[in-house]
Amino acid sequence: MKSHQAAMWVGCYSLVPRAVVGGQTPADTVAVEQQPVLLNQPQVGYRPCLQDAGVRGQVLVRLMLDTTGRVEDGSVVVEQSAGTLLDSLAIAASRGLVFRPARESGSPVRMAVILPFDFGAGGPAAAPADSGVFSADCVDSEPVLKAVDPVTYPEMMRKRGIAGEALAEFVVDTSGRAEPRSVRMLYAAHSEFAMAARGLVATARFRPARLSGEVVPCRVRLPVVFQLARDGERPPKTLERRPNELRPVVVTGWSRTRTVWSR
């Protein structure tokens, strides 16, 4: 048996067979009359958001096919790595491959196969600000707000009886902090609310996002809602979470006392 190398391209959604090219020949293999032929197109978990984040590269995987054309358990080995995430996708896809087996003298035989998985080849390059940063809908677990320093309701807004909201967007890094240069205000009912929301984001501590078991940077949106209440009243209930945003942080302004914050 000899090693067979099939060139494959992984676009945004799937793994597509290309032409068969010559591969390396392991010392323990011999030539065969008929090369194995890939029969199925396995599902590969390479989502568009991974390409958007600039996660791309080629993984070379070596595996052993049995006489039925299926991948033998424990035979998948990464020979050329493109990082933990892409390696894991290539390994998972390799295990589900099905071939028409190689044949020698009319009989099916075991055969070593080398497969190149090209992730994101030919796709658009990621913008510098997005390179290596994942969207919240791409990660396995998104950032979760753990703590934030107390926030004071803007005094001028409190005296004037003005409530409102600010919406901040930023990147939560792998340490669980907002990257200062990434913070931007998408909306603020007043500049005073924007300043208070920026201060809140600067002190916030998060449980960072995870993807395939790794801690990764993640871009999120955090609403900060400024509400008013009178002394002796119960503060308004915490607001429900909206799509594509983290759960709101609510800052309550009281008629006479200093403010407190709640989630």
C-alpha atoms as a PDB file:
ATOM      1  CA  MET A   1       0.000   0.000   0.000  1.00  0.00           C
ATOM      2  CA  LYS A   2       1.134   3.554  -0.582  1.00  0.00           C
ATOM      3  CA  SER A   3       0.009   6.834   0.895  1.00  0.00           C
ATOM      4  CA  HIS A   4      -2.617   8.731  -1.071  1.00  0.00           C
ATOM      5  CA  GLN A   5      -3.015  12.497  -0.791  1.00  0.00           C
ATOM      6  CA  ALA A   6      -6.356  14.107  -1.715  1.00  0.00           C
ATOM      7  CA  ALA A   7      -6.480  17.885  -1.925  1.00  0.00           C
ATOM      8  CA  MET A   8      -9.496  19.352  -0.160  1.00  0.00           C
ATOM      9  CA  TRP A   9     -10.802  22.892   0.319  1.00  0.00           C
ATOM     10  CA  VAL A  10     -12.833  23.991   3.293  1.00  0.00           C
ATOM     11  CA  GLY A  11     -14.875  27.064   2.565  1.00  0.00           C
ATOM     12  CA  CYS A  12     -17.341  28.734   4.865  1.00  0.00           C
ATOM     13  CA  TYR A  13     -19.614  25.750   5.218  1.00  0.00           C
ATOM     14  CA  SER A  14     -18.268  22.501   3.839  1.00  0.00           C
ATOM     15  CA  LEU A  15     -15.382  20.323   2.719  1.00  0.00           C
ATOM     16  CA  VAL A  16     -15.196  19.923  -1.060  1.00  0.00           C
ATOM     17  CA  PRO A  17     -13.031  17.285  -2.812  1.00  0.00           C
ATOM     18  CA  ARG A  18     -10.555  18.480  -5.416  1.00  0.00           C
ATOM     19  CA  ALA A  19      -8.224  16.574  -7.704  1.00  0.00           C
ATOM     20  CA  VAL A  20      -6.134  13.685  -6.423  1.00  0.00           C
ATOM     21  CA  VAL A  21      -2.399  14.395  -6.262  1.00  0.00           C
ATOM     22  CA  GLY A  22       0.604  12.284  -5.400  1.00  0.00           C
ATOM     23  CA  GLY A  23       1.540  11.908  -1.749  1.00  0.00           C
ATOM     24  CA  GLN A  24       4.376  10.695   0.381  1.00  0.00           C
ATOM     25  CA  THR A  25       4.907   6.966   0.575  1.00  0.00           C
ATOM     26  CA  PRO A  26       5.424   5.569   4.088  1.00  0.00           C
ATOM     27  CA  ALA A  27       8.114   2.919   4.373  1.00  0.00           C
ATOM     28  CA  ASP A  28       5.611   0.276   5.470  1.00  0.00           C
ATOM     29  CA  THR A  29       3.323   0.567   2.445  1.00  0.00           C
ATOM     30  CA  VAL A  30       3.316  -0.891  -1.059  1.00  0.00           C
ATOM     31  CA  ALA A  31       1.812   0.171  -4.402  1.00  0.00           C
ATOM     32  CA  VAL A  32      -1.816  -0.614  -5.199  1.00  0.00           C
ATOM     33  CA  GLU A  33      -3.696  -1.038  -8.446  1.00  0.00           C
ATOM     34  CA  GLN A  34      -6.634   1.197  -7.470  1.00  0.00           C
ATOM     35  CA  GLN A  35      -6.389   4.248  -5.248  1.00  0.00           C
ATOM     36  CA  PRO A  36      -9.131   4.926  -2.676  1.00  0.00           C
ATOM     37  CA  VAL A  37     -11.857   7.336  -3.789  1.00  0.00           C
ATOM     38  CA  LEU A  38     -13.645   9.708  -1.423  1.00  0.00           C
ATOM     39  CA  LEU A  39     -17.377   8.940  -1.470  1.00  0.00           C
ATOM     40  CA  ASN A  40     -18.897  11.353   1.065  1.00  0.00           C
ATOM     41  CA  GLN A  41     -18.651  15.056   1.811  1.00  0.00           C
ATOM     42  CA  PRO A  42     -18.430  15.309   5.599  1.00  0.00           C
ATOM     43  CA  GLN A  43     -19.767  18.203   7.599  1.00  0.00           C
ATOM     44  CA  VAL A  44     -16.982  20.466   8.832  1.00  0.00           C
ATOM     45  CA  GLY A  45     -17.648  22.877  11.668  1.00  0.00           C
ATOM     46  CA  TYR A  46     -15.891  25.778   9.953  1.00  0.00           C
ATOM     47  CA  ARG A  47     -18.395  28.584  10.350  1.00  0.00           C
ATOM     48  CA  PRO A  48     -18.337  31.908   8.473  1.00  0.00           C
ATOM     49  CA  CYS A  49     -17.590  33.732  11.722  1.00  0.00           C
ATOM     50  CA  LEU A  50     -14.294  31.840  12.014  1.00  0.00           C
ATOM     51  CA  GLN A  51     -13.234  33.119   8.616  1.00  0.00           C
ATOM     52  CA  ASP A  52     -14.392  36.597   9.591  1.00  0.00           C
ATOM     53  CA  ALA A  53     -12.061  36.398  12.598  1.00  0.00           C
ATOM     54  CA  GLY A  54      -9.138  35.485  10.354  1.00  0.00           C
ATOM     55  CA  VAL A  55      -8.916  31.868  11.522  1.00  0.00           C
ATOM     56  CA  ARG A  56      -7.574  30.097   8.452  1.00  0.00           C
ATOM     57  CA  GLY A  57      -4.778  27.779   7.369  1.00  0.00           C
ATOM     58  CA  GLN A  58      -3.950  24.290   6.146  1.00  0.00           C
ATOM     59  CA  VAL A  59      -3.997  21.159   8.289  1.00  0.00           C
ATOM     60  CA  LEU A  60      -2.392  17.954   6.979  1.00  0.00           C
ATOM     61  CA  VAL A  61      -4.009  14.862   8.465  1.00  0.00           C
ATOM     62  CA  ARG A  62      -2.703  11.320   8.065  1.00  0.00           C
ATOM     63  CA  LEU A  63      -5.083   8.396   8.641  1.00  0.00           C
ATOM     64  CA  MET A  64      -5.473   4.707   7.876  1.00  0.00           C
ATOM     65  CA  LEU A  65      -8.362   3.314   5.833  1.00  0.00           C
ATOM     66  CA  ASP A  66      -9.538  -0.209   6.476  1.00  0.00           C
ATOM     67  CA  THR A  67     -10.700  -2.650   3.814  1.00  0.00           C
ATOM     68  CA  THR A  68     -14.242  -1.207   3.902  1.00  0.00           C
ATOM     69  CA  GLY A  69     -12.972   2.304   3.169  1.00  0.00           C
ATOM     70  CA  ARG A  70     -13.610   3.649   6.655  1.00  0.00           C
ATOM     71  CA  VAL A  71     -11.137   5.412   8.932  1.00  0.00           C
ATOM     72  CA  GLU A  72      -9.624   3.120  11.545  1.00  0.00           C
ATOM     73  CA  ASP A  73     -10.131   4.161  15.164  1.00  0.00           C
ATOM     74  CA  GLY A  74      -7.145   5.973  16.625  1.00  0.00           C
ATOM     75  CA  SER A  75      -5.364   6.322  13.278  1.00  0.00           C
ATOM     76  CA  VAL A  76      -5.920  10.053  12.695  1.00  0.00           C
ATOM     77  CA  VAL A  77      -2.732  12.075  13.234  1.00  0.00           C
ATOM     78  CA  VAL A  78      -2.037  15.748  12.476  1.00  0.00           C
ATOM     79  CA  GLU A  79       1.161  16.008  10.431  1.00  0.00           C
ATOM     80  CA  GLN A  80       0.965  19.762   9.824  1.00  0.00           C
ATOM     81  CA  SER A  81      -0.800  21.944  12.361  1.00  0.00           C
ATOM     82  CA  ALA A  82      -2.709  25.198  11.797  1.00  0.00           C
ATOM     83  CA  GLY A  83      -3.528  25.738  15.465  1.00  0.00           C
ATOM     84  CA  THR A  84      -5.586  23.880  18.026  1.00  0.00           C
ATOM     85  CA  LEU A  85      -8.974  25.007  16.722  1.00  0.00           C
ATOM     86  CA  LEU A  86      -8.460  24.114  13.048  1.00  0.00           C
ATOM     87  CA  ASP A  87      -6.642  20.903  13.988  1.00  0.00           C
ATOM     88  CA  SER A  88      -9.661  19.784  16.025  1.00  0.00           C
ATOM     89  CA  LEU A  89     -12.033  20.548  13.140  1.00  0.00           C
ATOM     90  CA  ALA A  90      -9.886  18.576  10.697  1.00  0.00           C
ATOM     91  CA  ILE A  91      -9.609  15.603  13.050  1.00  0.00           C
ATOM     92  CA  ALA A  92     -13.366  15.532  13.667  1.00  0.00           C
ATOM     93  CA  ALA A  93     -14.091  15.706   9.922  1.00  0.00           C
ATOM     94  CA  SER A  94     -11.522  12.998   9.136  1.00  0.00           C
ATOM     95  CA  ARG A  95     -13.150  10.469  11.428  1.00  0.00           C
ATOM     96  CA  GLY A  96     -16.373  10.580   9.420  1.00  0.00           C
ATOM     97  CA  LEU A  97     -14.821  10.112   5.978  1.00  0.00           C
ATOM     98  CA  VAL A  98     -15.902   7.162   3.838  1.00  0.00           C
ATOM     99  CA  PHE A  99     -13.913   5.995   0.787  1.00  0.00           C
ATOM    100  CA  ARG A 100     -14.167   3.351  -1.846  1.00  0.00           C
ATOM    101  CA  PRO A 101     -11.254   1.241  -0.557  1.00  0.00           C
ATOM    102  CA  ALA A 102      -7.951   0.764  -2.336  1.00  0.00           C
ATOM    103  CA  ARG A 103      -7.606  -2.497  -4.199  1.00  0.00           C
ATOM    104  CA  GLU A 104      -4.713  -4.801  -4.978  1.00  0.00           C
ATOM    105  CA  SER A 105      -5.194  -7.892  -7.176  1.00  0.00           C
ATOM    106  CA  GLY A 106      -8.920  -7.245  -7.079  1.00  0.00           C
ATOM    107  CA  SER A 107      -9.180  -7.323  -3.291  1.00  0.00           C
ATOM    108  CA  PRO A 108      -9.687  -4.354  -0.922  1.00  0.00           C
ATOM    109  CA  VAL A 109      -6.628  -3.476   1.186  1.00  0.00           C
ATOM    110  CA  ARG A 110      -5.732  -1.132   4.044  1.00  0.00           C
ATOM    111  CA  MET A 111      -4.074   2.099   3.010  1.00  0.00           C
ATOM    112  CA  ALA A 112      -2.499   5.210   4.537  1.00  0.00           C
ATOM    113  CA  VAL A 113      -4.040   8.486   3.346  1.00  0.00           C
ATOM    114  CA  ILE A 114      -2.840  12.077   3.729  1.00  0.00           C
ATOM    115  CA  LEU A 115      -5.499  14.796   3.462  1.00  0.00           C
ATOM    116  CA  PRO A 116      -4.871  18.557   3.302  1.00  0.00           C
ATOM    117  CA  PHE A 117      -7.702  20.603   4.823  1.00  0.00           C
ATOM    118  CA  ASP A 118      -7.512  24.191   3.556  1.00  0.00           C
ATOM    119  CA  PHE A 119      -9.627  26.347   5.859  1.00  0.00           C
ATOM    120  CA  GLY A 120     -10.711  29.703   4.491  1.00  0.00           C
ATOM    121  CA  ALA A 121      -8.626  29.483   1.317  1.00  0.00           C
ATOM    122  CA  GLY A 122      -9.570  32.184  -1.157  1.00  0.00           C
ATOM    123  CA  GLY A 123     -11.828  33.994   1.300  1.00  0.00           C
ATOM    124  CA  PRO A 124     -11.631  37.724   2.059  1.00  0.00           C
ATOM    125  CA  ALA A 125      -9.038  38.811   4.574  1.00  0.00           C
ATOM    126  CA  ALA A 126     -10.249  39.823   8.009  1.00  0.00           C
ATOM    127  CA  ALA A 127     -10.158  43.502   8.917  1.00  0.00           C
ATOM    128  CA  PRO A 128      -7.234  44.302  11.263  1.00  0.00           C
ATOM    129  CA  ALA A 129      -9.609  45.173  14.105  1.00  0.00           C
ATOM    130  CA  ASP A 130     -11.413  41.821  13.734  1.00  0.00           C
ATOM    131  CA  SER A 131      -8.390  39.552  13.329  1.00  0.00           C
ATOM    132  CA  GLY A 132      -8.439  36.966  16.102  1.00  0.00           C
ATOM    133  CA  VAL A 133     -11.600  38.460  17.638  1.00  0.00           C
ATOM    134  CA  PHE A 134     -14.760  36.346  17.656  1.00  0.00           C
ATOM    135  CA  SER A 135     -18.379  37.415  17.644  1.00  0.00           C
ATOM    136  CA  ALA A 136     -20.605  36.357  20.523  1.00  0.00           C
ATOM    137  CA  ASP A 137     -22.642  34.053  18.256  1.00  0.00           C
ATOM    138  CA  CYS A 138     -19.483  32.232  17.173  1.00  0.00           C
ATOM    139  CA  VAL A 139     -18.089  31.130  20.533  1.00  0.00           C
ATOM    140  CA  ASP A 140     -19.215  28.125  22.550  1.00  0.00           C
ATOM    141  CA  SER A 141     -19.662  30.235  25.696  1.00  0.00           C
ATOM    142  CA  GLU A 142     -19.855  34.017  25.554  1.00  0.00           C
ATOM    143  CA  PRO A 143     -18.418  36.425  28.145  1.00  0.00           C
ATOM    144  CA  VAL A 144     -20.369  36.696  31.393  1.00  0.00           C
ATOM    145  CA  LEU A 145     -20.239  39.795  33.600  1.00  0.00           C
ATOM    146  CA  LYS A 146     -18.904  38.818  37.021  1.00  0.00           C
ATOM    147  CA  ALA A 147     -18.382  42.148  38.808  1.00  0.00           C
ATOM    148  CA  VAL A 148     -18.232  45.890  38.296  1.00  0.00           C
ATOM    149  CA  ASP A 149     -17.396  48.808  40.558  1.00  0.00           C
ATOM    150  CA  PRO A 150     -20.391  50.798  41.878  1.00  0.00           C
ATOM    151  CA  VAL A 151     -21.644  53.356  39.379  1.00  0.00           C
ATOM    152  CA  THR A 152     -22.998  56.766  40.366  1.00  0.00           C
ATOM    153  CA  TYR A 153     -26.058  57.986  38.511  1.00  0.00           C
ATOM    154  CA  PRO A 154     -25.070  61.220  36.744  1.00  0.00           C
ATOM    155  CA  GLU A 155     -26.007  63.940  39.224  1.00  0.00           C
ATOM    156  CA  MET A 156     -27.277  66.448  36.682  1.00  0.00           C
ATOM    157  CA  MET A 157     -29.512  63.787  35.104  1.00  0.00           C
ATOM    158  CA  ARG A 158     -30.819  62.713  38.506  1.00  0.00           C
ATOM    159  CA  LYS A 159     -31.717  66.278  39.556  1.00  0.00           C
ATOM    160  CA  ARG A 160     -33.505  66.884  36.276  1.00  0.00           C
ATOM    161  CA  GLY A 161     -35.373  63.570  36.521  1.00  0.00           C
ATOM    162  CA  ILE A 162     -33.940  62.241  33.277  1.00  0.00           C
ATOM    163  CA  ALA A 163     -33.616  58.488  32.631  1.00  0.00           C
ATOM    164  CA  GLY A 164     -32.029  56.873  29.609  1.00  0.00           C
ATOM    165  CA  GLU A 165     -29.748  54.236  28.189  1.00  0.00           C
ATOM    166  CA  ALA A 166     -26.321  53.780  26.664  1.00  0.00           C
ATOM    167  CA  LEU A 167     -25.164  50.868  24.516  1.00  0.00           C
ATOM    168  CA  ALA A 168     -21.449  50.041  24.551  1.00  0.00           C
ATOM    169  CA  GLU A 169     -19.570  47.704  22.218  1.00  0.00           C
ATOM    170  CA  PHE A 170     -16.119  46.356  23.089  1.00  0.00           C
ATOM    171  CA  VAL A 171     -13.834  43.332  23.039  1.00  0.00           C
ATOM    172  CA  VAL A 172     -13.538  41.196  26.170  1.00  0.00           C
ATOM    173  CA  ASP A 173      -9.952  39.917  26.145  1.00  0.00           C
ATOM    174  CA  THR A 174      -8.720  36.567  27.450  1.00  0.00           C
ATOM    175  CA  SER A 175      -8.165  38.019  30.922  1.00  0.00           C
ATOM    176  CA  GLY A 176     -11.821  39.016  31.184  1.00  0.00           C
ATOM    177  CA  ARG A 177     -11.337  42.761  30.756  1.00  0.00           C
ATOM    178  CA  ALA A 178     -12.582  45.188  28.113  1.00  0.00           C
ATOM    179  CA  GLU A 179      -9.784  46.190  25.737  1.00  0.00           C
ATOM    180  CA  PRO A 180      -9.673  49.996  26.199  1.00  0.00           C
ATOM    181  CA  ARG A 181      -9.068  50.800  22.526  1.00  0.00           C
ATOM    182  CA  SER A 182     -12.024  48.651  21.439  1.00  0.00           C
ATOM    183  CA  VAL A 183     -14.654  50.483  23.494  1.00  0.00           C
ATOM    184  CA  ARG A 184     -17.136  52.558  21.529  1.00  0.00           C
ATOM    185  CA  MET A 185     -20.593  53.893  22.294  1.00  0.00           C
ATOM    186  CA  LEU A 186     -23.174  52.766  19.757  1.00  0.00           C
ATOM    187  CA  TYR A 187     -25.889  54.814  21.407  1.00  0.00           C
ATOM    188  CA  ALA A 188     -26.371  57.117  24.388  1.00  0.00           C
ATOM    189  CA  ALA A 189     -29.434  59.131  25.338  1.00  0.00           C
ATOM    190  CA  HIS A 190     -27.130  61.820  26.750  1.00  0.00           C
ATOM    191  CA  SER A 191     -23.400  62.451  26.935  1.00  0.00           C
ATOM    192  CA  GLU A 192     -23.584  62.103  30.733  1.00  0.00           C
ATOM    193  CA  PHE A 193     -24.875  58.545  30.331  1.00  0.00           C
ATOM    194  CA  ALA A 194     -22.147  57.786  27.775  1.00  0.00           C
ATOM    195  CA  MET A 195     -19.430  58.882  30.225  1.00  0.00           C
ATOM    196  CA  ALA A 196     -20.911  56.822  33.055  1.00  0.00           C
ATOM    197  CA  ALA A 197     -21.228  53.761  30.821  1.00  0.00           C
ATOM    198  CA  ARG A 198     -17.589  54.066  29.723  1.00  0.00           C
ATOM    199  CA  GLY A 199     -16.524  54.174  33.356  1.00  0.00           C
ATOM    200  CA  LEU A 200     -18.572  51.073  34.084  1.00  0.00           C
ATOM    201  CA  VAL A 201     -17.050  49.145  31.179  1.00  0.00           C
ATOM    202  CA  ALA A 202     -13.537  50.113  32.280  1.00  0.00           C
ATOM    203  CA  THR A 203     -14.019  48.463  35.691  1.00  0.00           C
ATOM    204  CA  ALA A 204     -16.077  45.459  34.576  1.00  0.00           C
ATOM    205  CA  ARG A 205     -14.699  41.950  35.064  1.00  0.00           C
ATOM    206  CA  PHE A 206     -15.954  39.130  32.884  1.00  0.00           C
ATOM    207  CA  ARG A 207     -15.617  35.404  32.581  1.00  0.00           C
ATOM    208  CA  PRO A 208     -13.982  35.331  29.126  1.00  0.00           C
ATOM    209  CA  ALA A 209     -15.417  33.569  26.107  1.00  0.00           C
ATOM    210  CA  ARG A 210     -14.414  30.038  25.158  1.00  0.00           C
ATOM    211  CA  LEU A 211     -14.235  28.318  21.796  1.00  0.00           C
ATOM    212  CA  SER A 212     -13.348  24.629  21.462  1.00  0.00           C
ATOM    213  CA  GLY A 213     -12.048  24.692  25.022  1.00  0.00           C
ATOM    214  CA  GLU A 214      -9.799  27.715  24.501  1.00  0.00           C
ATOM    215  CA  VAL A 215     -10.199  31.173  26.017  1.00  0.00           C
ATOM    216  CA  VAL A 216     -10.619  33.666  23.145  1.00  0.00           C
ATOM    217  CA  PRO A 217     -11.243  37.419  22.670  1.00  0.00           C
ATOM    218  CA  CYS A 218     -14.889  38.187  21.961  1.00  0.00           C
ATOM    219  CA  ARG A 219     -16.710  41.311  20.790  1.00  0.00           C
ATOM    220  CA  VAL A 220     -19.879  42.046  22.774  1.00  0.00           C
ATOM    221  CA  ARG A 221     -22.538  44.706  23.270  1.00  0.00           C
ATOM    222  CA  LEU A 222     -23.532  45.768  26.771  1.00  0.00           C
ATOM    223  CA  PRO A 223     -26.602  47.943  27.490  1.00  0.00           C
ATOM    224  CA  VAL A 224     -26.412  50.227  30.539  1.00  0.00           C
ATOM    225  CA  VAL A 225     -29.859  51.382  31.612  1.00  0.00           C
ATOM    226  CA  PHE A 226     -30.236  54.421  33.881  1.00  0.00           C
ATOM    227  CA  GLN A 227     -33.494  54.308  35.890  1.00  0.00           C
ATOM    228  CA  LEU A 228     -34.987  56.623  38.510  1.00  0.00           C
ATOM    229  CA  ALA A 229     -36.835  55.703  41.706  1.00  0.00           C
ATOM    230  CA  ARG A 230     -37.964  57.479  44.851  1.00  0.00           C
ATOM    231  CA  ASP A 231     -36.793  56.701  48.369  1.00  0.00           C
ATOM    232  CA  GLY A 232     -38.895  53.986  49.903  1.00  0.00           C
ATOM    233  CA  GLU A 233     -39.906  52.536  46.546  1.00  0.00           C
ATOM    234  CA  ARG A 234     -38.743  49.264  45.174  1.00  0.00           C
ATOM    235  CA  PRO A 235     -36.322  49.744  42.297  1.00  0.00           C
ATOM    236  CA  PRO A 236     -37.606  48.725  38.852  1.00  0.00           C
ATOM    237  CA  LYS A 237     -37.095  45.112  37.897  1.00  0.00           C
ATOM    238  CA  THR A 238     -33.965  44.117  36.008  1.00  0.00           C
ATOM    239  CA  LEU A 239     -34.627  44.339  32.292  1.00  0.00           C
ATOM    240  CA  GLU A 240     -34.778  41.308  30.041  1.00  0.00           C
ATOM    241  CA  ARG A 241     -31.914  40.520  27.754  1.00  0.00           C
ATOM    242  CA  ARG A 242     -32.238  41.604  24.121  1.00  0.00           C
ATOM    243  CA  PRO A 243     -30.949  39.675  21.075  1.00  0.00           C
ATOM    244  CA  ASN A 244     -27.226  40.081  20.284  1.00  0.00           C
ATOM    245  CA  GLU A 245     -26.568  41.861  23.585  1.00  0.00           C
ATOM    246  CA  LEU A 246     -25.404  40.862  27.045  1.00  0.00           C
ATOM    247  CA  ARG A 247     -27.824  41.162  29.946  1.00  0.00           C
ATOM    248  CA  PRO A 248     -28.308  44.867  30.775  1.00  0.00           C
ATOM    249  CA  VAL A 249     -26.634  46.542  33.712  1.00  0.00           C
ATOM    250  CA  VAL A 250     -29.174  48.734  35.511  1.00  0.00           C
ATOM    251  CA  VAL A 251     -28.064  51.870  37.361  1.00  0.00           C
ATOM    252  CA  THR A 252     -30.779  53.231  39.649  1.00  0.00           C
ATOM    253  CA  GLY A 253     -30.892  56.885  40.674  1.00  0.00           C
ATOM    254  CA  TRP A 254     -32.674  57.728  43.956  1.00  0.00           C
ATOM    255  CA  SER A 255     -34.306  60.998  44.855  1.00  0.00           C
ATOM    256  CA  ARG A 256     -32.122  61.593  47.926  1.00  0.00           C
ATOM    257  CA  THR A 257     -29.606  58.780  48.328  1.00  0.00           C
ATOM    258  CA  ARG A 258     -26.543  57.794  46.353  1.00  0.00           C
ATOM    259  CA  THR A 259     -27.035  55.310  43.569  1.00  0.00           C
ATOM    260  CA  VAL A 260     -26.567  51.580  43.520  1.00  0.00           C
ATOM    261  CA  TRP A 261     -26.255  49.244  40.596  1.00  0.00           C
ATOM    262  CA  SER A 262     -27.860  45.931  39.854  1.00  0.00           C
ATOM    263  CA  ARG A 263     -27.922  43.425  37.061  1.00  0.00           C
END
